[in-house]
Amino acid sequence: MRVTRAAVIETAGQIADRDGLGGVSLKAVAEALHIRTPSLYNHISSLEDLLRQVAHGGMRTMNAALERAAVGVSGEEAILAVCAAYFRCTAQHPGVYETIQWATWHGTEETAQIFGSYLDLMRTLIRSCGLRPEGAEEILDLLTGALHGYAAMQLRYALTDLPAAQARLRRAMSTLLAGVRQEYGPEDVPQRG
């Protein structure tokens, strides 16, 4: 079998999902591909480059899943659908998700651009809720922070009982959205001061 850059990245992602980020090494990837470690340098420049590529692929895959989840729905239901898709992606690829989190600290401009696509989708969904626009970035911070925090904390439960973990996520995010509505609702609704 001819080894390609795509095969190297895919293999590293599979190792991450199986063994976690700490299990990904050039030696482990080379062994899985039945090649010598130096041969990997025909496809990548370093372990960090490989991890970034795994993260970028995972981010793009996740973004596509989130966009599909938002099709045909709007407002809070769209946000809840996207949250469920996000959580499902983390449960399906926990090691890749861990790699994505690593890349937020070790990323490049490309990493920022891919993450920007996710933020743009969330901004669009927030606007579809009819909330006051001046609160959009605060709402974005609340939603993305809560979603990431929930995913990171609940992932171990999702791996054993995904439906129950998703039901808890929906309740948690619905509660958060109720507070967002109260704080950032339309101008004609009294706001807390």
N, C-alpha and C. Protein backbone atom coordinates (compact mmCIF):
# COMPACT_ATOMS: atom_id res chain seq x y z
N MET A 1 0.84 -1.18 0.00
CA MET A 1 0.00 0.00 0.00
C MET A 1 0.89 1.25 0.00
N ARG A 2 0.58 2.18 -0.87
CA ARG A 2 1.32 3.43 -0.95
C ARG A 2 0.82 4.37 0.14
N VAL A 3 1.74 4.91 0.91
CA VAL A 3 1.40 5.82 2.00
C VAL A 3 1.28 7.22 1.43
N THR A 4 0.18 7.91 1.80
CA THR A 4 -0.05 9.28 1.36
C THR A 4 -0.15 10.18 2.59
N ARG A 5 -0.08 11.47 2.35
CA ARG A 5 -0.25 12.43 3.44
C ARG A 5 -1.61 12.23 4.12
N ALA A 6 -2.65 12.02 3.31
CA ALA A 6 -3.99 11.80 3.86
C ALA A 6 -4.02 10.56 4.75
N ALA A 7 -3.33 9.50 4.35
CA ALA A 7 -3.31 8.28 5.15
C ALA A 7 -2.57 8.50 6.46
N VAL A 8 -1.50 9.28 6.43
CA VAL A 8 -0.75 9.59 7.65
C VAL A 8 -1.65 10.35 8.63
N ILE A 9 -2.36 11.36 8.13
CA ILE A 9 -3.23 12.17 8.98
C ILE A 9 -4.39 11.33 9.52
N GLU A 10 -4.99 10.53 8.66
CA GLU A 10 -6.10 9.68 9.10
C GLU A 10 -5.66 8.68 10.17
N THR A 11 -4.50 8.09 9.97
CA THR A 11 -3.98 7.13 10.94
C THR A 11 -3.71 7.81 12.28
N ALA A 12 -3.13 9.00 12.25
CA ALA A 12 -2.88 9.73 13.49
C ALA A 12 -4.20 10.03 14.21
N GLY A 13 -5.23 10.39 13.45
CA GLY A 13 -6.55 10.64 14.05
C GLY A 13 -7.13 9.39 14.69
N GLN A 14 -6.96 8.25 14.03
CA GLN A 14 -7.45 6.99 14.58
C GLN A 14 -6.72 6.64 15.88
N ILE A 15 -5.41 6.87 15.89
CA ILE A 15 -4.65 6.62 17.10
C ILE A 15 -5.11 7.55 18.22
N ALA A 16 -5.33 8.82 17.89
CA ALA A 16 -5.81 9.78 18.89
C ALA A 16 -7.14 9.33 19.47
N ASP A 17 -8.06 8.89 18.62
CA ASP A 17 -9.37 8.45 19.10
C ASP A 17 -9.25 7.21 19.99
N ARG A 18 -8.31 6.35 19.67
CA ARG A 18 -8.15 5.12 20.44
C ARG A 18 -7.36 5.33 21.73
N ASP A 19 -6.27 6.13 21.65
CA ASP A 19 -5.33 6.23 22.76
C ASP A 19 -5.22 7.63 23.37
N GLY A 20 -5.94 8.59 22.83
CA GLY A 20 -5.83 9.96 23.30
C GLY A 20 -4.67 10.69 22.65
N LEU A 21 -4.64 11.98 22.83
CA LEU A 21 -3.60 12.81 22.23
C LEU A 21 -2.21 12.33 22.62
N GLY A 22 -2.03 11.93 23.87
CA GLY A 22 -0.73 11.46 24.34
C GLY A 22 -0.25 10.19 23.64
N GLY A 23 -1.16 9.46 23.02
CA GLY A 23 -0.78 8.23 22.32
C GLY A 23 -0.29 8.47 20.91
N VAL A 24 -0.42 9.69 20.43
CA VAL A 24 0.00 9.99 19.05
C VAL A 24 1.48 10.36 19.06
N SER A 25 2.26 9.56 18.38
CA SER A 25 3.68 9.84 18.19
C SER A 25 4.02 9.45 16.77
N LEU A 26 5.12 9.97 16.29
CA LEU A 26 5.55 9.61 14.94
C LEU A 26 5.81 8.11 14.86
N LYS A 27 6.39 7.55 15.91
CA LYS A 27 6.67 6.11 15.93
C LYS A 27 5.37 5.31 15.84
N ALA A 28 4.35 5.71 16.62
CA ALA A 28 3.07 4.98 16.61
C ALA A 28 2.41 5.05 15.23
N VAL A 29 2.46 6.22 14.60
CA VAL A 29 1.86 6.38 13.28
C VAL A 29 2.62 5.53 12.26
N ALA A 30 3.94 5.58 12.30
CA ALA A 30 4.75 4.79 11.36
C ALA A 30 4.49 3.30 11.54
N GLU A 31 4.43 2.84 12.79
CA GLU A 31 4.16 1.42 13.03
C GLU A 31 2.79 1.02 12.49
N ALA A 32 1.79 1.86 12.69
CA ALA A 32 0.45 1.55 12.19
C ALA A 32 0.41 1.48 10.67
N LEU A 33 1.27 2.25 10.02
CA LEU A 33 1.32 2.27 8.55
C LEU A 33 2.33 1.27 7.99
N HIS A 34 3.04 0.59 8.89
CA HIS A 34 4.06 -0.40 8.49
C HIS A 34 5.17 0.23 7.66
N ILE A 35 5.63 1.39 8.13
CA ILE A 35 6.75 2.07 7.49
C ILE A 35 7.73 2.50 8.58
N ARG A 36 8.87 2.95 8.16
CA ARG A 36 9.86 3.47 9.11
C ARG A 36 9.52 4.91 9.44
N THR A 37 9.81 5.31 10.67
CA THR A 37 9.48 6.66 11.13
C THR A 37 10.03 7.76 10.22
N PRO A 38 11.28 7.69 9.76
CA PRO A 38 11.78 8.77 8.89
C PRO A 38 10.97 8.95 7.60
N SER A 39 10.28 7.91 7.17
CA SER A 39 9.47 8.01 5.95
C SER A 39 8.31 8.98 6.11
N LEU A 40 7.89 9.23 7.36
CA LEU A 40 6.79 10.16 7.59
C LEU A 40 7.15 11.57 7.14
N TYR A 41 8.43 11.90 7.18
CA TYR A 41 8.86 13.26 6.82
C TYR A 41 8.69 13.54 5.33
N ASN A 42 8.32 12.54 4.55
CA ASN A 42 7.94 12.78 3.16
C ASN A 42 6.56 13.42 3.08
N HIS A 43 5.82 13.37 4.19
CA HIS A 43 4.42 13.81 4.20
C HIS A 43 4.13 14.92 5.20
N ILE A 44 4.93 15.01 6.24
CA ILE A 44 4.73 16.02 7.30
C ILE A 44 6.09 16.57 7.70
N SER A 45 6.09 17.72 8.35
CA SER A 45 7.36 18.31 8.75
C SER A 45 7.74 18.00 10.20
N SER A 46 6.73 17.68 11.03
CA SER A 46 6.98 17.42 12.44
C SER A 46 5.74 16.82 13.08
N LEU A 47 5.88 16.38 14.31
CA LEU A 47 4.72 15.89 15.06
C LEU A 47 3.70 17.01 15.22
N GLU A 48 4.16 18.23 15.52
CA GLU A 48 3.23 19.36 15.66
C GLU A 48 2.46 19.60 14.37
N ASP A 49 3.14 19.53 13.24
CA ASP A 49 2.47 19.68 11.95
C ASP A 49 1.40 18.61 11.78
N LEU A 50 1.73 17.38 12.13
CA LEU A 50 0.77 16.29 12.02
C LEU A 50 -0.43 16.52 12.93
N LEU A 51 -0.18 16.91 14.16
CA LEU A 51 -1.29 17.16 15.09
C LEU A 51 -2.18 18.28 14.59
N ARG A 52 -1.58 19.33 14.05
CA ARG A 52 -2.39 20.43 13.49
C ARG A 52 -3.25 19.93 12.34
N GLN A 53 -2.69 19.09 11.50
CA GLN A 53 -3.47 18.58 10.36
C GLN A 53 -4.62 17.70 10.83
N VAL A 54 -4.38 16.90 11.86
CA VAL A 54 -5.47 16.10 12.45
C VAL A 54 -6.54 17.03 12.99
N ALA A 55 -6.12 18.07 13.71
CA ALA A 55 -7.08 19.03 14.28
C ALA A 55 -7.84 19.74 13.18
N HIS A 56 -7.15 20.19 12.15
CA HIS A 56 -7.82 20.92 11.06
C HIS A 56 -8.85 20.03 10.36
N GLY A 57 -8.48 18.78 10.11
CA GLY A 57 -9.44 17.86 9.50
C GLY A 57 -10.65 17.65 10.39
N GLY A 58 -10.39 17.48 11.69
CA GLY A 58 -11.49 17.30 12.64
C GLY A 58 -12.38 18.53 12.72
N MET A 59 -11.77 19.71 12.70
CA MET A 59 -12.55 20.95 12.76
C MET A 59 -13.42 21.10 11.52
N ARG A 60 -12.85 20.80 10.36
CA ARG A 60 -13.64 20.91 9.12
C ARG A 60 -14.79 19.91 9.10
N THR A 61 -14.52 18.69 9.55
CA THR A 61 -15.57 17.67 9.61
C THR A 61 -16.66 18.10 10.58
N MET A 62 -16.26 18.63 11.73
CA MET A 62 -17.23 19.08 12.72
C MET A 62 -18.04 20.26 12.18
N ASN A 63 -17.38 21.22 11.54
CA ASN A 63 -18.09 22.36 10.97
C ASN A 63 -19.15 21.91 9.97
N ALA A 64 -18.80 20.94 9.13
CA ALA A 64 -19.75 20.44 8.14
C ALA A 64 -20.95 19.78 8.83
N ALA A 65 -20.68 19.01 9.89
CA ALA A 65 -21.77 18.36 10.64
C ALA A 65 -22.68 19.40 11.30
N LEU A 66 -22.09 20.47 11.82
CA LEU A 66 -22.88 21.52 12.47
C LEU A 66 -23.73 22.26 11.45
N GLU A 67 -23.17 22.53 10.29
CA GLU A 67 -23.95 23.20 9.24
C GLU A 67 -25.12 22.33 8.80
N ARG A 68 -24.89 21.02 8.65
CA ARG A 68 -25.99 20.11 8.28
C ARG A 68 -27.07 20.11 9.36
N ALA A 69 -26.67 20.15 10.62
CA ALA A 69 -27.64 20.14 11.72
C ALA A 69 -28.52 21.37 11.72
N ALA A 70 -27.99 22.49 11.21
CA ALA A 70 -28.73 23.75 11.23
C ALA A 70 -29.67 23.91 10.04
N VAL A 71 -29.57 23.04 9.06
CA VAL A 71 -30.42 23.16 7.86
C VAL A 71 -31.88 22.90 8.23
N GLY A 72 -32.74 23.81 7.82
CA GLY A 72 -34.17 23.63 8.01
C GLY A 72 -34.72 24.06 9.35
N VAL A 73 -33.86 24.54 10.25
CA VAL A 73 -34.32 25.03 11.54
C VAL A 73 -33.70 26.39 11.80
N SER A 74 -34.31 27.14 12.70
CA SER A 74 -33.75 28.45 13.04
C SER A 74 -33.98 28.71 14.52
N GLY A 75 -33.43 29.80 14.96
CA GLY A 75 -33.61 30.22 16.35
C GLY A 75 -33.02 29.23 17.32
N GLU A 76 -33.67 29.13 18.46
CA GLU A 76 -33.15 28.27 19.52
C GLU A 76 -33.09 26.80 19.13
N GLU A 77 -34.04 26.35 18.32
CA GLU A 77 -34.01 24.94 17.89
C GLU A 77 -32.77 24.67 17.05
N ALA A 78 -32.35 25.63 16.25
CA ALA A 78 -31.13 25.47 15.46
C ALA A 78 -29.92 25.42 16.38
N ILE A 79 -29.88 26.27 17.37
CA ILE A 79 -28.76 26.24 18.31
C ILE A 79 -28.71 24.91 19.03
N LEU A 80 -29.86 24.42 19.48
CA LEU A 80 -29.88 23.12 20.16
C LEU A 80 -29.47 21.98 19.24
N ALA A 81 -29.88 22.05 17.97
CA ALA A 81 -29.48 21.03 17.00
C ALA A 81 -27.98 21.05 16.76
N VAL A 82 -27.42 22.24 16.68
CA VAL A 82 -25.97 22.38 16.47
C VAL A 82 -25.22 21.89 17.71
N CYS A 83 -25.72 22.20 18.89
CA CYS A 83 -25.09 21.71 20.12
C CYS A 83 -25.09 20.19 20.17
N ALA A 84 -26.20 19.58 19.78
CA ALA A 84 -26.27 18.12 19.77
C ALA A 84 -25.28 17.54 18.76
N ALA A 85 -25.17 18.16 17.60
CA ALA A 85 -24.22 17.68 16.58
C ALA A 85 -22.78 17.83 17.07
N TYR A 86 -22.48 18.95 17.72
CA TYR A 86 -21.14 19.19 18.27
C TYR A 86 -20.79 18.08 19.27
N PHE A 87 -21.70 17.81 20.16
CA PHE A 87 -21.46 16.81 21.19
C PHE A 87 -21.31 15.42 20.58
N ARG A 88 -22.12 15.13 19.58
CA ARG A 88 -22.04 13.85 18.88
C ARG A 88 -20.65 13.68 18.23
N CYS A 89 -20.16 14.76 17.62
CA CYS A 89 -18.82 14.71 17.01
C CYS A 89 -17.74 14.44 18.05
N THR A 90 -17.87 15.07 19.21
CA THR A 90 -16.85 14.84 20.25
C THR A 90 -16.90 13.40 20.75
N ALA A 91 -18.10 12.84 20.84
CA ALA A 91 -18.23 11.46 21.30
C ALA A 91 -17.72 10.47 20.26
N GLN A 92 -17.90 10.78 18.99
CA GLN A 92 -17.44 9.89 17.93
C GLN A 92 -15.93 9.95 17.75
N HIS A 93 -15.34 11.09 18.05
CA HIS A 93 -13.90 11.27 17.84
C HIS A 93 -13.27 12.00 19.04
N PRO A 94 -13.25 11.35 20.20
CA PRO A 94 -12.75 12.03 21.40
C PRO A 94 -11.28 12.44 21.31
N GLY A 95 -10.47 11.63 20.69
CA GLY A 95 -9.05 11.97 20.57
C GLY A 95 -8.82 13.10 19.59
N VAL A 96 -9.58 13.11 18.51
CA VAL A 96 -9.48 14.21 17.56
C VAL A 96 -9.95 15.49 18.24
N TYR A 97 -11.01 15.41 19.06
CA TYR A 97 -11.48 16.59 19.79
C TYR A 97 -10.39 17.11 20.73
N GLU A 98 -9.70 16.19 21.39
CA GLU A 98 -8.60 16.58 22.26
C GLU A 98 -7.50 17.27 21.44
N THR A 99 -7.26 16.77 20.24
CA THR A 99 -6.27 17.38 19.35
C THR A 99 -6.71 18.77 18.92
N ILE A 100 -8.00 18.94 18.67
CA ILE A 100 -8.53 20.26 18.32
C ILE A 100 -8.27 21.24 19.46
N GLN A 101 -8.48 20.79 20.69
CA GLN A 101 -8.24 21.68 21.83
C GLN A 101 -6.76 22.03 21.93
N TRP A 102 -5.89 21.06 21.67
CA TRP A 102 -4.44 21.32 21.65
C TRP A 102 -4.13 22.39 20.60
N ALA A 103 -4.77 22.28 19.44
CA ALA A 103 -4.49 23.21 18.33
C ALA A 103 -4.94 24.63 18.64
N THR A 104 -5.89 24.80 19.55
CA THR A 104 -6.29 26.18 19.89
C THR A 104 -5.13 26.92 20.54
N TRP A 105 -4.20 26.20 21.17
CA TRP A 105 -3.03 26.81 21.79
C TRP A 105 -1.81 26.79 20.88
N HIS A 106 -1.80 25.88 19.92
CA HIS A 106 -0.64 25.70 19.06
C HIS A 106 -1.00 25.87 17.58
N GLY A 107 -2.04 26.61 17.32
CA GLY A 107 -2.55 26.73 15.97
C GLY A 107 -1.84 27.77 15.13
N THR A 108 -2.31 27.85 13.92
CA THR A 108 -1.79 28.78 12.92
C THR A 108 -2.94 29.67 12.46
N GLU A 109 -2.66 30.50 11.49
CA GLU A 109 -3.72 31.32 10.89
C GLU A 109 -4.81 30.42 10.29
N GLU A 110 -4.40 29.31 9.73
CA GLU A 110 -5.38 28.36 9.17
C GLU A 110 -6.31 27.85 10.26
N THR A 111 -5.76 27.55 11.43
CA THR A 111 -6.57 27.10 12.56
C THR A 111 -7.61 28.16 12.91
N ALA A 112 -7.16 29.40 12.97
CA ALA A 112 -8.06 30.51 13.31
C ALA A 112 -9.16 30.67 12.26
N GLN A 113 -8.82 30.49 11.00
CA GLN A 113 -9.82 30.62 9.94
C GLN A 113 -10.89 29.53 10.03
N ILE A 114 -10.44 28.30 10.28
CA ILE A 114 -11.40 27.20 10.40
C ILE A 114 -12.30 27.42 11.61
N PHE A 115 -11.71 27.82 12.73
CA PHE A 115 -12.50 28.10 13.92
C PHE A 115 -13.45 29.27 13.66
N GLY A 116 -13.01 30.24 12.87
CA GLY A 116 -13.85 31.38 12.51
C GLY A 116 -15.12 30.96 11.80
N SER A 117 -15.05 29.90 11.00
CA SER A 117 -16.25 29.40 10.31
C SER A 117 -17.28 28.91 11.32
N TYR A 118 -16.81 28.23 12.35
CA TYR A 118 -17.71 27.77 13.43
C TYR A 118 -18.34 28.97 14.13
N LEU A 119 -17.52 29.97 14.46
CA LEU A 119 -18.05 31.16 15.14
C LEU A 119 -19.06 31.89 14.26
N ASP A 120 -18.79 31.97 12.96
CA ASP A 120 -19.73 32.62 12.04
C ASP A 120 -21.08 31.90 12.02
N LEU A 121 -21.05 30.57 12.02
CA LEU A 121 -22.30 29.81 12.07
C LEU A 121 -23.06 30.13 13.35
N MET A 122 -22.36 30.13 14.47
CA MET A 122 -23.02 30.41 15.74
C MET A 122 -23.59 31.83 15.76
N ARG A 123 -22.85 32.79 15.20
CA ARG A 123 -23.36 34.17 15.14
C ARG A 123 -24.65 34.23 14.31
N THR A 124 -24.68 33.52 13.21
CA THR A 124 -25.88 33.49 12.37
C THR A 124 -27.06 32.92 13.15
N LEU A 125 -26.82 31.85 13.88
CA LEU A 125 -27.91 31.24 14.66
C LEU A 125 -28.38 32.16 15.77
N ILE A 126 -27.46 32.85 16.40
CA ILE A 126 -27.82 33.80 17.46
C ILE A 126 -28.71 34.91 16.88
N ARG A 127 -28.33 35.40 15.72
CA ARG A 127 -29.14 36.46 15.07
C ARG A 127 -30.55 35.95 14.74
N SER A 128 -30.68 34.66 14.43
CA SER A 128 -31.98 34.11 14.08
C SER A 128 -32.91 34.01 15.28
N CYS A 129 -32.40 34.25 16.47
CA CYS A 129 -33.21 34.16 17.69
C CYS A 129 -33.95 35.47 18.00
N GLY A 130 -33.67 36.53 17.26
CA GLY A 130 -34.35 37.80 17.49
C GLY A 130 -33.90 38.51 18.75
N LEU A 131 -32.69 38.25 19.19
CA LEU A 131 -32.18 38.89 20.40
C LEU A 131 -31.55 40.23 20.05
N ARG A 132 -31.33 41.05 21.06
CA ARG A 132 -30.72 42.35 20.82
C ARG A 132 -29.31 42.17 20.26
N PRO A 133 -29.01 42.80 19.14
CA PRO A 133 -27.73 42.57 18.47
C PRO A 133 -26.50 42.99 19.27
N GLU A 134 -26.65 43.97 20.15
CA GLU A 134 -25.47 44.42 20.91
C GLU A 134 -24.97 43.37 21.89
N GLY A 135 -25.77 42.37 22.18
CA GLY A 135 -25.35 41.30 23.08
C GLY A 135 -24.81 40.07 22.36
N ALA A 136 -24.71 40.12 21.04
CA ALA A 136 -24.38 38.94 20.25
C ALA A 136 -23.03 38.31 20.64
N GLU A 137 -22.01 39.12 20.84
CA GLU A 137 -20.70 38.53 21.16
C GLU A 137 -20.68 37.94 22.56
N GLU A 138 -21.40 38.55 23.50
CA GLU A 138 -21.49 37.97 24.84
C GLU A 138 -22.24 36.64 24.79
N ILE A 139 -23.30 36.60 24.01
CA ILE A 139 -24.07 35.36 23.85
C ILE A 139 -23.19 34.29 23.21
N LEU A 140 -22.43 34.69 22.20
CA LEU A 140 -21.52 33.76 21.54
C LEU A 140 -20.54 33.17 22.55
N ASP A 141 -19.97 34.02 23.38
CA ASP A 141 -19.03 33.54 24.41
C ASP A 141 -19.71 32.57 25.37
N LEU A 142 -20.92 32.90 25.80
CA LEU A 142 -21.65 32.02 26.71
C LEU A 142 -21.93 30.66 26.09
N LEU A 143 -22.45 30.67 24.87
CA LEU A 143 -22.82 29.42 24.22
C LEU A 143 -21.61 28.55 23.91
N THR A 144 -20.58 29.15 23.33
CA THR A 144 -19.41 28.34 22.96
C THR A 144 -18.69 27.84 24.21
N GLY A 145 -18.59 28.68 25.22
CA GLY A 145 -17.94 28.25 26.46
C GLY A 145 -18.70 27.14 27.14
N ALA A 146 -20.02 27.29 27.22
CA ALA A 146 -20.84 26.25 27.87
C ALA A 146 -20.79 24.95 27.07
N LEU A 147 -20.84 25.05 25.77
CA LEU A 147 -20.84 23.85 24.94
C LEU A 147 -19.50 23.11 25.06
N HIS A 148 -18.41 23.84 24.97
CA HIS A 148 -17.10 23.20 25.11
C HIS A 148 -16.94 22.61 26.51
N GLY A 149 -17.32 23.38 27.52
CA GLY A 149 -17.19 22.89 28.89
C GLY A 149 -18.01 21.64 29.12
N TYR A 150 -19.24 21.64 28.62
CA TYR A 150 -20.09 20.46 28.78
C TYR A 150 -19.47 19.27 28.07
N ALA A 151 -19.02 19.49 26.84
CA ALA A 151 -18.43 18.39 26.07
C ALA A 151 -17.20 17.82 26.78
N ALA A 152 -16.35 18.70 27.26
CA ALA A 152 -15.13 18.25 27.93
C ALA A 152 -15.44 17.49 29.22
N MET A 153 -16.42 17.96 29.98
CA MET A 153 -16.74 17.33 31.26
C MET A 153 -17.56 16.06 31.11
N GLN A 154 -18.42 16.00 30.12
CA GLN A 154 -19.36 14.89 30.00
C GLN A 154 -18.94 13.83 29.00
N LEU A 155 -17.81 14.02 28.34
CA LEU A 155 -17.42 13.10 27.28
C LEU A 155 -17.34 11.66 27.76
N ARG A 156 -16.81 11.44 28.94
CA ARG A 156 -16.70 10.06 29.42
C ARG A 156 -18.07 9.40 29.56
N TYR A 157 -19.09 10.17 29.92
CA TYR A 157 -20.44 9.61 30.02
C TYR A 157 -21.03 9.37 28.64
N ALA A 158 -20.69 10.24 27.70
CA ALA A 158 -21.21 10.10 26.34
C ALA A 158 -20.71 8.81 25.71
N LEU A 159 -19.51 8.40 26.08
CA LEU A 159 -18.96 7.19 25.49
C LEU A 159 -19.66 5.94 25.98
N THR A 160 -20.35 6.02 27.12
CA THR A 160 -21.07 4.86 27.64
C THR A 160 -22.57 4.96 27.44
N ASP A 161 -23.12 6.18 27.43
CA ASP A 161 -24.57 6.36 27.24
C ASP A 161 -24.83 7.69 26.55
N LEU A 162 -24.57 7.72 25.24
CA LEU A 162 -24.70 8.96 24.47
C LEU A 162 -26.10 9.56 24.55
N PRO A 163 -27.18 8.78 24.40
CA PRO A 163 -28.52 9.40 24.47
C PRO A 163 -28.79 10.13 25.79
N ALA A 164 -28.37 9.54 26.90
CA ALA A 164 -28.59 10.20 28.19
C ALA A 164 -27.75 11.47 28.30
N ALA A 165 -26.50 11.41 27.84
CA ALA A 165 -25.63 12.59 27.89
C ALA A 165 -26.17 13.69 26.98
N GLN A 166 -26.72 13.32 25.83
CA GLN A 166 -27.29 14.32 24.93
C GLN A 166 -28.56 14.94 25.52
N ALA A 167 -29.36 14.14 26.22
CA ALA A 167 -30.55 14.68 26.86
C ALA A 167 -30.17 15.70 27.93
N ARG A 168 -29.11 15.39 28.71
CA ARG A 168 -28.64 16.34 29.71
C ARG A 168 -28.10 17.62 29.05
N LEU A 169 -27.40 17.46 27.93
CA LEU A 169 -26.90 18.63 27.20
C LEU A 169 -28.06 19.50 26.74
N ARG A 170 -29.10 18.90 26.19
CA ARG A 170 -30.25 19.68 25.70
C ARG A 170 -30.88 20.46 26.86
N ARG A 171 -31.04 19.81 28.01
CA ARG A 171 -31.62 20.51 29.16
C ARG A 171 -30.71 21.66 29.61
N ALA A 172 -29.42 21.40 29.66
CA ALA A 172 -28.48 22.44 30.09
C ALA A 172 -28.48 23.62 29.14
N MET A 173 -28.45 23.34 27.84
CA MET A 173 -28.42 24.43 26.86
C MET A 173 -29.76 25.15 26.80
N SER A 174 -30.86 24.43 26.98
CA SER A 174 -32.18 25.08 27.02
C SER A 174 -32.27 26.03 28.20
N THR A 175 -31.72 25.62 29.33
CA THR A 175 -31.70 26.48 30.51
C THR A 175 -30.85 27.72 30.25
N LEU A 176 -29.70 27.52 29.64
CA LEU A 176 -28.84 28.65 29.29
C LEU A 176 -29.56 29.61 28.34
N LEU A 177 -30.23 29.06 27.34
CA LEU A 177 -30.95 29.90 26.37
C LEU A 177 -32.10 30.66 27.03
N ALA A 178 -32.74 30.07 28.03
CA ALA A 178 -33.80 30.78 28.76
C ALA A 178 -33.21 32.01 29.44
N GLY A 179 -32.05 31.85 30.04
CA GLY A 179 -31.37 33.00 30.66
C GLY A 179 -30.93 34.03 29.64
N VAL A 180 -30.46 33.57 28.50
CA VAL A 180 -30.06 34.48 27.42
C VAL A 180 -31.27 35.28 26.95
N ARG A 181 -32.41 34.61 26.77
CA ARG A 181 -33.64 35.30 26.36
C ARG A 181 -34.02 36.37 27.37
N GLN A 182 -33.91 36.03 28.64
CA GLN A 182 -34.27 36.98 29.69
C GLN A 182 -33.33 38.19 29.67
N GLU A 183 -32.05 37.94 29.52
CA GLU A 183 -31.06 39.01 29.58
C GLU A 183 -30.93 39.81 28.29
N TYR A 184 -31.07 39.14 27.14
CA TYR A 184 -30.79 39.78 25.85
C TYR A 184 -31.99 39.80 24.91
N GLY A 185 -33.19 39.58 25.46
CA GLY A 185 -34.38 39.54 24.62
C GLY A 185 -34.62 40.83 23.87
N PRO A 186 -35.63 40.86 23.02
CA PRO A 186 -35.94 42.08 22.25
C PRO A 186 -36.15 43.28 23.16
N GLU A 187 -35.97 44.45 22.59
CA GLU A 187 -36.06 45.71 23.35
C GLU A 187 -37.38 45.87 24.09
N ASP A 188 -38.48 45.37 23.55
CA ASP A 188 -39.78 45.58 24.17
C ASP A 188 -40.01 44.68 25.38
N VAL A 189 -39.09 43.73 25.63
CA VAL A 189 -39.21 42.86 26.80
C VAL A 189 -38.38 43.44 27.92
N PRO A 190 -38.93 43.63 29.12
CA PRO A 190 -38.14 44.19 30.22
C PRO A 190 -36.90 43.34 30.48
N GLN A 191 -35.77 43.98 30.65
CA GLN A 191 -34.51 43.31 30.90
C GLN A 191 -34.11 43.48 32.36
N ARG A 192 -33.35 42.51 32.84
CA ARG A 192 -32.80 42.64 34.18
C ARG A 192 -31.73 43.70 34.14
N GLY A 193 -31.59 44.45 35.19
CA GLY A 193 -30.62 45.51 35.24
C GLY A 193 -29.52 45.19 36.11
